[in-house]
């Protein structure tokens, strides 16, 4: 199994695997110099040298060039302090060219040889004139990168509805798909203001417990299902998957909460089976089989029906001949 080192180029971003190239004493939070498709970069160790399965290696794995020296770190800090100044210039130039874009952030590499400009826009924008002007001002290579609203929130940081720092900034390295079905599984209000984050998209935390809610919901009866409880029959009005209990409206219109294990029998309002009890479906199936068996016994005892006695059983080709005669008749009528 190959030995790899996990590196990140920005805090709380995707982890990339590199070949340590003999630097097996690298520790967590150490800085190294690596070659990337965009040039030489400084990266931080987040996973010390360790073994991984060979199937996890995709493509050719690059090697670490060397450890970062104190001078490399001084250069990195020097150019990082110039990023706010570059951000102000980029925003002013974007307004000057009347571009409908929002400049979010500017990042220098550790040598100052490249300036990466993050921006968001609703539509496609021609920013070639802006890039030429910025290259003339900063005397470096300019790269424009368009990002979405979730990436914008990750770069800008903030506080979520829970009162804590945003997950995407504090620990969530990659975004996962979030759907409205997750909110329904957790019985959350489908009000966009209640289930959306500062980015305007569905809250990432909806996906954290979704698998557990799906598993618990399989044990619960459906809303509106008829159930028989220790206090009598009633209908399910609320379900509580985490507690494995249901709130039932009894026949006397009183609401009471019962554990799912206490329900004697349950069936859906439409008469179909439900996840709590399969007795109704089993009984209907057994009754239908008994009726069919009784009907077969009566036919065997009484013989064929009166209207079918004395008739010749149809030959194998009768159905095909009848179909062909029908087609010929229809064609003749269309011609007439």
C-alpha atoms as a PDB file:
ATOM      1  CA  UNK A   1       0.000   0.000   0.000  1.00  0.00           C
ATOM      2  CA  UNK A   2       1.376   3.472  -0.892  1.00  0.00           C
ATOM      3  CA  UNK A   3       2.348   6.015   1.751  1.00  0.00           C
ATOM      4  CA  UNK A   4       0.733   9.440   1.308  1.00  0.00           C
ATOM      5  CA  UNK A   5       0.488  12.792   3.077  1.00  0.00           C
ATOM      6  CA  UNK A   6      -2.778  14.750   3.230  1.00  0.00           C
ATOM      7  CA  UNK A   7      -2.342  18.452   2.415  1.00  0.00           C
ATOM      8  CA  UNK A   8      -4.664  21.450   2.287  1.00  0.00           C
ATOM      9  CA  UNK A   9      -3.951  24.693   0.414  1.00  0.00           C
ATOM     10  CA  UNK A  10      -6.509  26.794   2.324  1.00  0.00           C
ATOM     11  CA  UNK A  11      -8.002  26.257   5.799  1.00  0.00           C
ATOM     12  CA  UNK A  12     -10.924  23.799   5.864  1.00  0.00           C
ATOM     13  CA  UNK A  13     -10.772  22.892   2.181  1.00  0.00           C
ATOM     14  CA  UNK A  14     -10.412  19.662   0.235  1.00  0.00           C
ATOM     15  CA  UNK A  15      -7.549  17.374   1.279  1.00  0.00           C
ATOM     16  CA  UNK A  16      -5.149  16.273  -1.480  1.00  0.00           C
ATOM     17  CA  UNK A  17      -2.799  13.296  -1.242  1.00  0.00           C
ATOM     18  CA  UNK A  18       0.891  13.724  -2.108  1.00  0.00           C
ATOM     19  CA  UNK A  19       3.868  11.406  -2.072  1.00  0.00           C
ATOM     20  CA  UNK A  20       6.049  12.341   0.963  1.00  0.00           C
ATOM     21  CA  UNK A  21       9.209  11.496  -1.048  1.00  0.00           C
ATOM     22  CA  UNK A  22      11.150  10.397   2.010  1.00  0.00           C
ATOM     23  CA  UNK A  23       9.792  13.077   4.402  1.00  0.00           C
ATOM     24  CA  UNK A  24       8.200  10.536   6.727  1.00  0.00           C
ATOM     25  CA  UNK A  25       8.709  12.698   9.825  1.00  0.00           C
ATOM     26  CA  UNK A  26       6.185  15.339   8.739  1.00  0.00           C
ATOM     27  CA  UNK A  27       3.824  16.327  11.532  1.00  0.00           C
ATOM     28  CA  UNK A  28       0.356  17.836  11.686  1.00  0.00           C
ATOM     29  CA  UNK A  29       0.319  21.585  10.778  1.00  0.00           C
ATOM     30  CA  UNK A  30       3.769  21.475   9.124  1.00  0.00           C
ATOM     31  CA  UNK A  31       4.155  23.499   5.917  1.00  0.00           C
ATOM     32  CA  UNK A  32       5.671  22.105   2.700  1.00  0.00           C
ATOM     33  CA  UNK A  33       6.357  23.255  -0.863  1.00  0.00           C
ATOM     34  CA  UNK A  34       4.627  21.288  -3.631  1.00  0.00           C
ATOM     35  CA  UNK A  35       4.325  21.442  -7.401  1.00  0.00           C
ATOM     36  CA  UNK A  36       0.779  21.803  -8.731  1.00  0.00           C
ATOM     37  CA  UNK A  37      -0.805  22.380 -12.116  1.00  0.00           C
ATOM     38  CA  UNK A  38      -0.830  26.109 -11.291  1.00  0.00           C
ATOM     39  CA  UNK A  39       2.775  26.304 -10.165  1.00  0.00           C
ATOM     40  CA  UNK A  40       4.662  26.055  -6.891  1.00  0.00           C
ATOM     41  CA  UNK A  41       2.457  26.411  -3.799  1.00  0.00           C
ATOM     42  CA  UNK A  42       2.685  26.270  -0.022  1.00  0.00           C
ATOM     43  CA  UNK A  43       0.487  23.615   1.595  1.00  0.00           C
ATOM     44  CA  UNK A  44      -0.249  22.584   5.175  1.00  0.00           C
ATOM     45  CA  UNK A  45      -0.104  19.012   6.469  1.00  0.00           C
ATOM     46  CA  UNK A  46      -3.443  17.815   7.860  1.00  0.00           C
ATOM     47  CA  UNK A  47      -2.767  14.065   7.586  1.00  0.00           C
ATOM     48  CA  UNK A  48       0.763  12.889   8.511  1.00  0.00           C
ATOM     49  CA  UNK A  49       2.318  10.088   6.394  1.00  0.00           C
ATOM     50  CA  UNK A  50       0.073   7.031   6.410  1.00  0.00           C
ATOM     51  CA  UNK A  51      -0.844   4.028   4.260  1.00  0.00           C
ATOM     52  CA  UNK A  52      -3.900   3.983   1.993  1.00  0.00           C
ATOM     53  CA  UNK A  53      -5.391   1.415  -0.360  1.00  0.00           C
ATOM     54  CA  UNK A  54      -3.896   1.537  -3.847  1.00  0.00           C
ATOM     55  CA  UNK A  55      -7.426   1.785  -5.299  1.00  0.00           C
ATOM     56  CA  UNK A  56      -7.854   5.187  -3.644  1.00  0.00           C
ATOM     57  CA  UNK A  57      -5.042   6.690  -5.722  1.00  0.00           C
ATOM     58  CA  UNK A  58      -6.507   8.352  -8.820  1.00  0.00           C
ATOM     59  CA  UNK A  59      -4.095   9.299 -11.577  1.00  0.00           C
ATOM     60  CA  UNK A  60      -0.462  10.212 -11.028  1.00  0.00           C
ATOM     61  CA  UNK A  61       0.359  11.316  -7.493  1.00  0.00           C
ATOM     62  CA  UNK A  62       2.691  14.305  -7.241  1.00  0.00           C
ATOM     63  CA  UNK A  63       5.567  14.473  -4.754  1.00  0.00           C
ATOM     64  CA  UNK A  64       6.431  17.023  -2.092  1.00  0.00           C
ATOM     65  CA  UNK A  65       9.361  19.211  -3.151  1.00  0.00           C
ATOM     66  CA  UNK A  66      10.676  20.151   0.298  1.00  0.00           C
ATOM     67  CA  UNK A  67       9.770  21.572   3.649  1.00  0.00           C
ATOM     68  CA  UNK A  68       8.776  25.232   3.773  1.00  0.00           C
ATOM     69  CA  UNK A  69      11.555  27.423   5.165  1.00  0.00           C
ATOM     70  CA  UNK A  70      11.066  30.437   7.482  1.00  0.00           C
ATOM     71  CA  UNK A  71      11.710  32.706   4.499  1.00  0.00           C
ATOM     72  CA  UNK A  72       8.887  30.985   2.576  1.00  0.00           C
ATOM     73  CA  UNK A  73       6.527  31.708   5.442  1.00  0.00           C
ATOM     74  CA  UNK A  74       7.664  35.344   5.625  1.00  0.00           C
ATOM     75  CA  UNK A  75       6.918  35.746   1.934  1.00  0.00           C
ATOM     76  CA  UNK A  76       3.511  34.127   2.373  1.00  0.00           C
ATOM     77  CA  UNK A  77       2.572  36.522   5.199  1.00  0.00           C
ATOM     78  CA  UNK A  78       3.899  39.513   3.256  1.00  0.00           C
ATOM     79  CA  UNK A  79       1.706  38.853   0.245  1.00  0.00           C
ATOM     80  CA  UNK A  80      -1.278  37.914   2.428  1.00  0.00           C
ATOM     81  CA  UNK A  81      -1.207  41.414   3.927  1.00  0.00           C
ATOM     82  CA  UNK A  82      -1.542  42.875   0.417  1.00  0.00           C
ATOM     83  CA  UNK A  83      -4.712  40.947  -0.404  1.00  0.00           C
ATOM     84  CA  UNK A  84      -7.101  43.518   1.114  1.00  0.00           C
ATOM     85  CA  UNK A  85      -5.495  46.270  -0.936  1.00  0.00           C
ATOM     86  CA  UNK A  86      -5.829  44.181  -4.085  1.00  0.00           C
ATOM     87  CA  UNK A  87      -9.470  43.464  -3.227  1.00  0.00           C
ATOM     88  CA  UNK A  88     -10.289  47.171  -3.039  1.00  0.00           C
ATOM     89  CA  UNK A  89      -8.595  47.840  -6.396  1.00  0.00           C
ATOM     90  CA  UNK A  90     -10.386  44.945  -8.092  1.00  0.00           C
ATOM     91  CA  UNK A  91     -13.797  46.111  -6.860  1.00  0.00           C
ATOM     92  CA  UNK A  92     -13.128  49.672  -8.028  1.00  0.00           C
ATOM     93  CA  UNK A  93     -12.055  48.479 -11.478  1.00  0.00           C
ATOM     94  CA  UNK A  94     -15.112  46.209 -11.773  1.00  0.00           C
ATOM     95  CA  UNK A  95     -17.361  49.236 -11.130  1.00  0.00           C
ATOM     96  CA  UNK A  96     -15.361  51.272 -13.632  1.00  0.00           C
ATOM     97  CA  UNK A  97     -16.002  48.688 -16.369  1.00  0.00           C
ATOM     98  CA  UNK A  98     -19.692  48.390 -15.332  1.00  0.00           C
ATOM     99  CA  UNK A  99     -19.388  44.649 -14.813  1.00  0.00           C
ATOM    100  CA  UNK A 100     -22.262  42.997 -12.982  1.00  0.00           C
ATOM    101  CA  UNK A 101     -20.018  40.901 -10.766  1.00  0.00           C
ATOM    102  CA  UNK A 102     -19.306  40.788  -7.050  1.00  0.00           C
ATOM    103  CA  UNK A 103     -15.627  40.510  -6.136  1.00  0.00           C
ATOM    104  CA  UNK A 104     -15.535  38.290  -3.054  1.00  0.00           C
ATOM    105  CA  UNK A 105     -11.866  37.715  -2.286  1.00  0.00           C
ATOM    106  CA  UNK A 106      -8.319  38.012  -3.650  1.00  0.00           C
ATOM    107  CA  UNK A 107      -5.552  35.491  -2.909  1.00  0.00           C
ATOM    108  CA  UNK A 108      -1.842  35.776  -3.726  1.00  0.00           C
ATOM    109  CA  UNK A 109       0.349  32.718  -3.898  1.00  0.00           C
ATOM    110  CA  UNK A 110       3.299  32.695  -1.536  1.00  0.00           C
ATOM    111  CA  UNK A 111       5.691  34.285  -4.068  1.00  0.00           C
ATOM    112  CA  UNK A 112       3.273  36.919  -5.342  1.00  0.00           C
ATOM    113  CA  UNK A 113       3.525  35.559  -8.896  1.00  0.00           C
ATOM    114  CA  UNK A 114      -0.229  34.945  -9.190  1.00  0.00           C
ATOM    115  CA  UNK A 115      -3.327  36.780  -7.986  1.00  0.00           C
ATOM    116  CA  UNK A 116      -6.499  34.679  -7.797  1.00  0.00           C
ATOM    117  CA  UNK A 117      -9.710  36.748  -7.833  1.00  0.00           C
ATOM    118  CA  UNK A 118     -12.915  35.052  -6.629  1.00  0.00           C
ATOM    119  CA  UNK A 119     -16.163  36.559  -7.909  1.00  0.00           C
ATOM    120  CA  UNK A 120     -19.850  35.698  -8.156  1.00  0.00           C
ATOM    121  CA  UNK A 121     -22.218  36.654 -10.944  1.00  0.00           C
ATOM    122  CA  UNK A 122     -25.741  35.834 -12.068  1.00  0.00           C
ATOM    123  CA  UNK A 123     -24.809  35.609 -15.739  1.00  0.00           C
ATOM    124  CA  UNK A 124     -21.829  35.097 -17.998  1.00  0.00           C
ATOM    125  CA  UNK A 125     -19.460  38.085 -17.960  1.00  0.00           C
ATOM    126  CA  UNK A 126     -16.723  39.170 -20.366  1.00  0.00           C
ATOM    127  CA  UNK A 127     -13.940  40.315 -18.033  1.00  0.00           C
ATOM    128  CA  UNK A 128     -10.991  40.226 -20.443  1.00  0.00           C
ATOM    129  CA  UNK A 129     -10.536  44.002 -20.335  1.00  0.00           C
ATOM    130  CA  UNK A 130     -10.598  43.895 -16.537  1.00  0.00           C
ATOM    131  CA  UNK A 131      -7.933  41.173 -16.449  1.00  0.00           C
ATOM    132  CA  UNK A 132      -5.629  43.150 -18.749  1.00  0.00           C
ATOM    133  CA  UNK A 133      -6.015  46.265 -16.618  1.00  0.00           C
ATOM    134  CA  UNK A 134      -5.367  44.374 -13.364  1.00  0.00           C
ATOM    135  CA  UNK A 135      -2.280  42.684 -14.826  1.00  0.00           C
ATOM    136  CA  UNK A 136      -0.925  46.126 -15.776  1.00  0.00           C
ATOM    137  CA  UNK A 137      -1.539  47.436 -12.244  1.00  0.00           C
ATOM    138  CA  UNK A 138      -0.243  44.482 -10.197  1.00  0.00           C
ATOM    139  CA  UNK A 139       2.442  43.222 -12.623  1.00  0.00           C
ATOM    140  CA  UNK A 140       1.474  39.607 -11.968  1.00  0.00           C
ATOM    141  CA  UNK A 141      -0.626  36.843 -13.503  1.00  0.00           C
ATOM    142  CA  UNK A 142      -4.343  37.341 -12.881  1.00  0.00           C
ATOM    143  CA  UNK A 143      -6.820  34.459 -12.594  1.00  0.00           C
ATOM    144  CA  UNK A 144     -10.577  34.992 -12.300  1.00  0.00           C
ATOM    145  CA  UNK A 145     -12.603  32.224 -10.661  1.00  0.00           C
ATOM    146  CA  UNK A 146     -16.398  32.276 -10.524  1.00  0.00           C
ATOM    147  CA  UNK A 147     -17.941  30.718  -7.409  1.00  0.00           C
ATOM    148  CA  UNK A 148     -21.451  29.932  -6.180  1.00  0.00           C
ATOM    149  CA  UNK A 149     -23.315  31.300  -3.196  1.00  0.00           C
ATOM    150  CA  UNK A 150     -22.284  28.424  -0.928  1.00  0.00           C
ATOM    151  CA  UNK A 151     -18.603  28.926  -1.730  1.00  0.00           C
ATOM    152  CA  UNK A 152     -19.068  32.656  -1.197  1.00  0.00           C
ATOM    153  CA  UNK A 153     -20.436  32.057   2.304  1.00  0.00           C
ATOM    154  CA  UNK A 154     -17.499  29.738   3.006  1.00  0.00           C
ATOM    155  CA  UNK A 155     -14.978  32.424   2.022  1.00  0.00           C
ATOM    156  CA  UNK A 156     -16.696  35.279   3.869  1.00  0.00           C
ATOM    157  CA  UNK A 157     -17.552  33.297   7.049  1.00  0.00           C
ATOM    158  CA  UNK A 158     -20.429  34.131   9.373  1.00  0.00           C
ATOM    159  CA  UNK A 159     -22.769  32.882  12.095  1.00  0.00           C
ATOM    160  CA  UNK A 160     -25.549  30.396  11.425  1.00  0.00           C
ATOM    161  CA  UNK A 161     -29.065  30.090  12.845  1.00  0.00           C
ATOM    162  CA  UNK A 162     -27.692  27.976  15.683  1.00  0.00           C
ATOM    163  CA  UNK A 163     -25.507  30.855  16.885  1.00  0.00           C
ATOM    164  CA  UNK A 164     -22.274  29.091  15.998  1.00  0.00           C
ATOM    165  CA  UNK A 165     -19.707  29.660  13.274  1.00  0.00           C
ATOM    166  CA  UNK A 166     -20.735  28.330   9.862  1.00  0.00           C
ATOM    167  CA  UNK A 167     -20.008  24.621   9.403  1.00  0.00           C
ATOM    168  CA  UNK A 168     -18.491  25.203   5.964  1.00  0.00           C
ATOM    169  CA  UNK A 169     -15.934  27.575   7.478  1.00  0.00           C
ATOM    170  CA  UNK A 170     -15.184  25.787  10.729  1.00  0.00           C
ATOM    171  CA  UNK A 171     -14.932  22.104   9.749  1.00  0.00           C
ATOM    172  CA  UNK A 172     -16.944  21.095   6.625  1.00  0.00           C
ATOM    173  CA  UNK A 173     -14.389  20.571   3.854  1.00  0.00           C
ATOM    174  CA  UNK A 174     -16.723  19.642   0.983  1.00  0.00           C
ATOM    175  CA  UNK A 175     -20.379  20.383   0.307  1.00  0.00           C
ATOM    176  CA  UNK A 176     -22.861  17.522   0.039  1.00  0.00           C
ATOM    177  CA  UNK A 177     -26.220  17.579  -1.799  1.00  0.00           C
ATOM    178  CA  UNK A 178     -29.143  18.683   0.388  1.00  0.00           C
ATOM    179  CA  UNK A 179     -32.777  18.153  -0.680  1.00  0.00           C
ATOM    180  CA  UNK A 180     -36.161  19.262   0.610  1.00  0.00           C
ATOM    181  CA  UNK A 181     -36.940  15.585   1.305  1.00  0.00           C
ATOM    182  CA  UNK A 182     -34.498  15.725   4.220  1.00  0.00           C
ATOM    183  CA  UNK A 183     -36.542  18.497   5.832  1.00  0.00           C
ATOM    184  CA  UNK A 184     -39.733  16.466   5.330  1.00  0.00           C
ATOM    185  CA  UNK A 185     -38.162  13.389   6.923  1.00  0.00           C
ATOM    186  CA  UNK A 186     -37.396  15.473  10.026  1.00  0.00           C
ATOM    187  CA  UNK A 187     -40.886  17.080  10.080  1.00  0.00           C
ATOM    188  CA  UNK A 188     -39.428  20.564   9.788  1.00  0.00           C
ATOM    189  CA  UNK A 189     -41.508  23.508   8.558  1.00  0.00           C
ATOM    190  CA  UNK A 190     -41.102  23.923   4.807  1.00  0.00           C
ATOM    191  CA  UNK A 191     -40.693  27.670   5.161  1.00  0.00           C
ATOM    192  CA  UNK A 192     -37.605  28.734   3.144  1.00  0.00           C
ATOM    193  CA  UNK A 193     -36.619  31.237   5.822  1.00  0.00           C
ATOM    194  CA  UNK A 194     -36.567  28.499   8.464  1.00  0.00           C
ATOM    195  CA  UNK A 195     -34.546  25.860   6.599  1.00  0.00           C
ATOM    196  CA  UNK A 196     -32.146  28.068   4.594  1.00  0.00           C
ATOM    197  CA  UNK A 197     -28.691  29.223   5.640  1.00  0.00           C
ATOM    198  CA  UNK A 198     -26.961  32.569   5.215  1.00  0.00           C
ATOM    199  CA  UNK A 199     -26.104  31.562   1.627  1.00  0.00           C
ATOM    200  CA  UNK A 200     -29.795  31.245   0.747  1.00  0.00           C
ATOM    201  CA  UNK A 201     -29.538  27.502   0.120  1.00  0.00           C
ATOM    202  CA  UNK A 202     -30.869  24.642   2.259  1.00  0.00           C
ATOM    203  CA  UNK A 203     -29.013  24.179   5.537  1.00  0.00           C
ATOM    204  CA  UNK A 204     -26.103  21.739   5.290  1.00  0.00           C
ATOM    205  CA  UNK A 205     -27.004  20.378   8.741  1.00  0.00           C
ATOM    206  CA  UNK A 206     -30.198  18.847   7.310  1.00  0.00           C
ATOM    207  CA  UNK A 207     -28.062  16.004   5.972  1.00  0.00           C
ATOM    208  CA  UNK A 208     -26.299  15.196   9.254  1.00  0.00           C
ATOM    209  CA  UNK A 209     -29.136  13.132  10.806  1.00  0.00           C
ATOM    210  CA  UNK A 210     -31.076  12.264   7.673  1.00  0.00           C
ATOM    211  CA  UNK A 211     -29.970   8.602   7.625  1.00  0.00           C
ATOM    212  CA  UNK A 212     -31.066   8.129  11.259  1.00  0.00           C
ATOM    213  CA  UNK A 213     -34.457   9.739  10.620  1.00  0.00           C
ATOM    214  CA  UNK A 214     -35.011   7.498   7.586  1.00  0.00           C
ATOM    215  CA  UNK A 215     -34.306   4.415   9.701  1.00  0.00           C
ATOM    216  CA  UNK A 216     -36.607   5.577  12.504  1.00  0.00           C
ATOM    217  CA  UNK A 217     -39.441   6.537  10.146  1.00  0.00           C
ATOM    218  CA  UNK A 218     -39.569   2.940   8.888  1.00  0.00           C
ATOM    219  CA  UNK A 219     -40.691   1.868  12.370  1.00  0.00           C
ATOM    220  CA  UNK A 220     -43.456   4.463  12.627  1.00  0.00           C
ATOM    221  CA  UNK A 221     -47.098   4.180  11.430  1.00  0.00           C
ATOM    222  CA  UNK A 222     -48.345   6.628   8.834  1.00  0.00           C
ATOM    223  CA  UNK A 223     -50.109   9.860   9.771  1.00  0.00           C
ATOM    224  CA  UNK A 224     -53.860   9.256   9.812  1.00  0.00           C
ATOM    225  CA  UNK A 225     -53.493   5.495  10.256  1.00  0.00           C
ATOM    226  CA  UNK A 226     -56.060   3.699  12.405  1.00  0.00           C
ATOM    227  CA  UNK A 227     -54.466   2.131  15.470  1.00  0.00           C
ATOM    228  CA  UNK A 228     -55.667   0.222  18.508  1.00  0.00           C
ATOM    229  CA  UNK A 229     -54.000   1.379  21.719  1.00  0.00           C
ATOM    230  CA  UNK A 230     -54.291   0.191  25.339  1.00  0.00           C
ATOM    231  CA  UNK A 231     -56.900   2.961  25.780  1.00  0.00           C
ATOM    232  CA  UNK A 232     -58.933   2.095  22.697  1.00  0.00           C
ATOM    233  CA  UNK A 233     -58.968   2.757  18.961  1.00  0.00           C
ATOM    234  CA  UNK A 234     -57.888   6.019  17.399  1.00  0.00           C
ATOM    235  CA  UNK A 235     -55.979   7.714  14.578  1.00  0.00           C
ATOM    236  CA  UNK A 236     -52.349   8.819  14.470  1.00  0.00           C
ATOM    237  CA  UNK A 237     -52.027  12.603  14.573  1.00  0.00           C
ATOM    238  CA  UNK A 238     -48.276  13.081  15.219  1.00  0.00           C
ATOM    239  CA  UNK A 239     -45.230  10.835  15.072  1.00  0.00           C
ATOM    240  CA  UNK A 240     -42.041  11.260  17.113  1.00  0.00           C
ATOM    241  CA  UNK A 241     -39.322   9.186  15.400  1.00  0.00           C
ATOM    242  CA  UNK A 242     -36.540   9.901  17.887  1.00  0.00           C
ATOM    243  CA  UNK A 243     -38.680   8.875  20.881  1.00  0.00           C
ATOM    244  CA  UNK A 244     -40.394   6.074  18.899  1.00  0.00           C
ATOM    245  CA  UNK A 245     -43.778   7.295  20.064  1.00  0.00           C
ATOM    246  CA  UNK A 246     -46.954   8.516  18.370  1.00  0.00           C
ATOM    247  CA  UNK A 247     -49.706  10.910  19.396  1.00  0.00           C
ATOM    248  CA  UNK A 248     -53.136   9.330  18.863  1.00  0.00           C
ATOM    249  CA  UNK A 249     -56.564  10.963  18.834  1.00  0.00           C
ATOM    250  CA  UNK A 250     -58.848   8.484  20.577  1.00  0.00           C
ATOM    251  CA  UNK A 251     -62.536   7.982  19.831  1.00  0.00           C
ATOM    252  CA  UNK A 252     -63.443  10.391  22.644  1.00  0.00           C
ATOM    253  CA  UNK A 253     -61.368  13.122  20.851  1.00  0.00           C
ATOM    254  CA  UNK A 254     -58.657  13.023  23.516  1.00  0.00           C
ATOM    255  CA  UNK A 255     -54.978  13.115  22.506  1.00  0.00           C
ATOM    256  CA  UNK A 256     -52.605  10.634  24.091  1.00  0.00           C
ATOM    257  CA  UNK A 257     -49.022   9.598  23.414  1.00  0.00           C
ATOM    258  CA  UNK A 258     -48.087   5.924  23.134  1.00  0.00           C
ATOM    259  CA  UNK A 259     -44.912   4.019  22.352  1.00  0.00           C
ATOM    260  CA  UNK A 260     -44.958   2.209  19.016  1.00  0.00           C
ATOM    261  CA  UNK A 261     -44.393  -1.076  20.853  1.00  0.00           C
ATOM    262  CA  UNK A 262     -47.679  -0.533  22.773  1.00  0.00           C
ATOM    263  CA  UNK A 263     -49.826  -0.402  19.652  1.00  0.00           C
ATOM    264  CA  UNK A 264     -51.876  -3.573  19.379  1.00  0.00           C
ATOM    265  CA  UNK A 265     -52.728  -3.279  15.693  1.00  0.00           C
ATOM    266  CA  UNK A 266     -52.312  -0.641  13.032  1.00  0.00           C
ATOM    267  CA  UNK A 267     -53.670  -0.123   9.562  1.00  0.00           C
ATOM    268  CA  UNK A 268     -53.629   2.821   7.179  1.00  0.00           C
ATOM    269  CA  UNK A 269     -56.685   4.966   6.634  1.00  0.00           C
ATOM    270  CA  UNK A 270     -57.001   3.623   3.079  1.00  0.00           C
ATOM    271  CA  UNK A 271     -57.107   0.031   4.321  1.00  0.00           C
ATOM    272  CA  UNK A 272     -53.604  -0.925   3.157  1.00  0.00           C
ATOM    273  CA  UNK A 273     -50.864  -2.414   5.253  1.00  0.00           C
ATOM    274  CA  UNK A 274     -48.376  -0.251   7.124  1.00  0.00           C
ATOM    275  CA  UNK A 275     -44.924  -0.707   8.589  1.00  0.00           C
ATOM    276  CA  UNK A 276     -46.175  -1.305  12.135  1.00  0.00           C
ATOM    277  CA  UNK A 277     -48.393  -4.329  11.556  1.00  0.00           C
ATOM    278  CA  UNK A 278     -48.824  -6.611   8.569  1.00  0.00           C
ATOM    279  CA  UNK A 279     -51.747  -8.525  10.076  1.00  0.00           C
ATOM    280  CA  UNK A 280     -54.413  -6.812   7.983  1.00  0.00           C
ATOM    281  CA  UNK A 281     -52.767  -7.688   4.696  1.00  0.00           C
ATOM    282  CA  UNK A 282     -52.046 -11.248   5.819  1.00  0.00           C
ATOM    283  CA  UNK A 283     -55.670 -11.813   6.859  1.00  0.00           C
ATOM    284  CA  UNK A 284     -57.013 -10.471   3.552  1.00  0.00           C
ATOM    285  CA  UNK A 285     -54.630 -12.671   1.583  1.00  0.00           C
ATOM    286  CA  UNK A 286     -55.630 -15.795   3.603  1.00  0.00           C
ATOM    287  CA  UNK A 287     -59.342 -15.039   3.162  1.00  0.00           C
ATOM    288  CA  UNK A 288     -58.945 -14.649  -0.625  1.00  0.00           C
ATOM    289  CA  UNK A 289     -57.091 -17.961  -0.848  1.00  0.00           C
ATOM    290  CA  UNK A 290     -59.858 -19.711   1.126  1.00  0.00           C
ATOM    291  CA  UNK A 291     -62.545 -18.288  -1.217  1.00  0.00           C
ATOM    292  CA  UNK A 292     -60.650 -19.430  -4.305  1.00  0.00           C
ATOM    293  CA  UNK A 293     -60.185 -22.934  -2.880  1.00  0.00           C
ATOM    294  CA  UNK A 294     -63.911 -23.164  -2.027  1.00  0.00           C
ATOM    295  CA  UNK A 295     -64.857 -22.025  -5.550  1.00  0.00           C
ATOM    296  CA  UNK A 296     -62.602 -24.640  -7.156  1.00  0.00           C
ATOM    297  CA  UNK A 297     -64.190 -27.382  -5.022  1.00  0.00           C
ATOM    298  CA  UNK A 298     -67.693 -26.320  -6.093  1.00  0.00           C
ATOM    299  CA  UNK A 299     -66.765 -26.341  -9.783  1.00  0.00           C
ATOM    300  CA  UNK A 300     -65.197 -29.782  -9.483  1.00  0.00           C
ATOM    301  CA  UNK A 301     -68.354 -31.131  -7.821  1.00  0.00           C
ATOM    302  CA  UNK A 302     -70.951 -29.583 -10.187  1.00  0.00           C
ATOM    303  CA  UNK A 303     -69.049 -29.864 -13.492  1.00  0.00           C
ATOM    304  CA  UNK A 304     -68.793 -27.128 -16.149  1.00  0.00           C
ATOM    305  CA  UNK A 305     -71.269 -24.264 -16.268  1.00  0.00           C
ATOM    306  CA  UNK A 306     -74.525 -24.837 -18.282  1.00  0.00           C
ATOM    307  CA  UNK A 307     -73.676 -22.344 -20.978  1.00  0.00           C
ATOM    308  CA  UNK A 308     -70.366 -24.101 -21.734  1.00  0.00           C
ATOM    309  CA  UNK A 309     -71.670 -27.703 -21.872  1.00  0.00           C
ATOM    310  CA  UNK A 310     -71.522 -29.343 -25.277  1.00  0.00           C
ATOM    311  CA  UNK A 311     -69.259 -26.705 -26.773  1.00  0.00           C
ATOM    312  CA  UNK A 312     -66.132 -27.691 -28.598  1.00  0.00           C
ATOM    313  CA  UNK A 313     -63.036 -26.431 -26.807  1.00  0.00           C
ATOM    314  CA  UNK A 314     -61.232 -23.837 -28.924  1.00  0.00           C
ATOM    315  CA  UNK A 315     -58.399 -25.140 -31.063  1.00  0.00           C
ATOM    316  CA  UNK A 316     -54.896 -23.710 -30.844  1.00  0.00           C
ATOM    317  CA  UNK A 317     -55.277 -21.673 -34.053  1.00  0.00           C
ATOM    318  CA  UNK A 318     -58.829 -20.380 -33.449  1.00  0.00           C
ATOM    319  CA  UNK A 319     -57.706 -17.186 -31.693  1.00  0.00           C
ATOM    320  CA  UNK A 320     -55.235 -16.336 -34.445  1.00  0.00           C
ATOM    321  CA  UNK A 321     -57.845 -16.977 -37.178  1.00  0.00           C
ATOM    322  CA  UNK A 322     -60.405 -14.816 -35.409  1.00  0.00           C
ATOM    323  CA  UNK A 323     -57.905 -11.971 -35.117  1.00  0.00           C
ATOM    324  CA  UNK A 324     -57.015 -12.227 -38.827  1.00  0.00           C
ATOM    325  CA  UNK A 325     -60.710 -12.195 -39.817  1.00  0.00           C
ATOM    326  CA  UNK A 326     -61.252  -9.105 -37.665  1.00  0.00           C
ATOM    327  CA  UNK A 327     -58.378  -7.251 -39.340  1.00  0.00           C
ATOM    328  CA  UNK A 328     -59.674  -8.134 -42.812  1.00  0.00           C
ATOM    329  CA  UNK A 329     -63.150  -6.872 -41.920  1.00  0.00           C
ATOM    330  CA  UNK A 330     -61.806  -3.550 -40.636  1.00  0.00           C
ATOM    331  CA  UNK A 331     -59.714  -3.018 -43.795  1.00  0.00           C
ATOM    332  CA  UNK A 332     -62.726  -3.758 -46.031  1.00  0.00           C
ATOM    333  CA  UNK A 333     -64.895  -1.270 -44.138  1.00  0.00           C
ATOM    334  CA  UNK A 334     -62.243   1.471 -44.460  1.00  0.00           C
ATOM    335  CA  UNK A 335     -62.063   0.889 -48.249  1.00  0.00           C
ATOM    336  CA  UNK A 336     -65.860   1.144 -48.519  1.00  0.00           C
END
